[in-house]
């Protein structure tokens, strides 16, 4: 089993907790829809796999500029 991910470590990599949640949810949905994980993981839950991919830098998170509506 891999190491446990901490929220602090993950949010250090992105500008916003919201962006982290949205990116991990979108990637988890893609995995559930049949896309293959980018890592060899032992986890079975799509959100955990998505967070591992983000932790390893395989998923880029872009935060849109503030003020665009």
Protein backbone atom coordinates (compact mmCIF):
# COMPACT_ATOMS: atom_id res chain seq x y z
CA UNK A 1 0.00 0.00 0.00
CA UNK A 2 1.25 3.51 -0.79
CA UNK A 3 1.71 6.36 1.59
CA UNK A 4 -1.28 8.37 2.77
CA UNK A 5 -1.86 11.65 1.01
CA UNK A 6 -2.35 14.70 3.16
CA UNK A 7 -4.53 17.63 2.20
CA UNK A 8 -1.69 20.01 3.08
CA UNK A 9 0.72 18.33 0.65
CA UNK A 10 -1.83 18.43 -2.13
CA UNK A 11 -2.89 22.04 -1.57
CA UNK A 12 0.77 23.11 -1.56
CA UNK A 13 0.85 22.06 -5.23
CA UNK A 14 -2.18 24.11 -6.30
CA UNK A 15 -3.42 27.63 -5.73
CA UNK A 16 -6.83 26.69 -4.43
CA UNK A 17 -8.52 23.87 -2.51
CA UNK A 18 -11.51 24.40 -4.79
CA UNK A 19 -9.38 23.79 -7.88
CA UNK A 20 -8.03 20.61 -6.29
CA UNK A 21 -11.53 19.32 -5.59
CA UNK A 22 -12.80 20.13 -9.08
CA UNK A 23 -9.77 18.59 -10.81
CA UNK A 24 -9.85 15.41 -8.73
CA UNK A 25 -13.61 15.01 -9.25
CA UNK A 26 -13.29 15.46 -13.02
CA UNK A 27 -10.42 12.99 -13.24
CA UNK A 28 -12.25 10.49 -11.02
CA UNK A 29 -15.30 10.76 -13.29
CA UNK A 30 -13.08 10.10 -16.32
CA UNK A 31 -11.65 7.00 -14.63
CA UNK A 32 -15.17 5.80 -13.80
CA UNK A 33 -16.13 6.34 -17.45
CA UNK A 34 -13.38 3.96 -18.59
CA UNK A 35 -10.20 6.03 -18.92
CA UNK A 36 -7.12 4.18 -17.71
CA UNK A 37 -5.21 5.43 -14.66
CA UNK A 38 -1.92 7.15 -15.50
CA UNK A 39 -0.17 5.29 -12.66
CA UNK A 40 0.11 1.69 -11.59
CA UNK A 41 -1.85 1.91 -8.36
CA UNK A 42 -3.16 -0.53 -5.82
CA UNK A 43 -6.13 1.68 -5.00
CA UNK A 44 -9.58 0.92 -6.35
CA UNK A 45 -11.43 4.14 -5.59
CA UNK A 46 -11.39 6.61 -8.52
CA UNK A 47 -10.99 9.71 -6.32
CA UNK A 48 -7.96 8.20 -4.56
CA UNK A 49 -6.41 7.32 -7.91
CA UNK A 50 -7.05 10.87 -9.17
CA UNK A 51 -5.43 12.38 -6.07
CA UNK A 52 -2.40 10.10 -6.50
CA UNK A 53 -2.07 11.27 -10.12
CA UNK A 54 -2.25 14.90 -9.00
CA UNK A 55 0.32 14.24 -6.27
CA UNK A 56 2.73 12.77 -8.85
CA UNK A 57 2.26 15.79 -11.15
CA UNK A 58 0.53 13.84 -13.91
CA UNK A 59 -2.55 16.06 -13.86
CA UNK A 60 -2.16 19.79 -14.41
CA UNK A 61 -4.56 22.05 -12.52
CA UNK A 62 -5.29 25.42 -14.07
CA UNK A 63 -7.10 28.08 -12.09
CA UNK A 64 -8.92 30.62 -14.26
CA UNK A 65 -8.15 34.28 -13.67
CA UNK A 66 -10.29 36.03 -11.08
CA UNK A 67 -13.07 38.22 -12.39
CA UNK A 68 -14.06 36.31 -15.51
CA UNK A 69 -17.78 35.63 -15.58
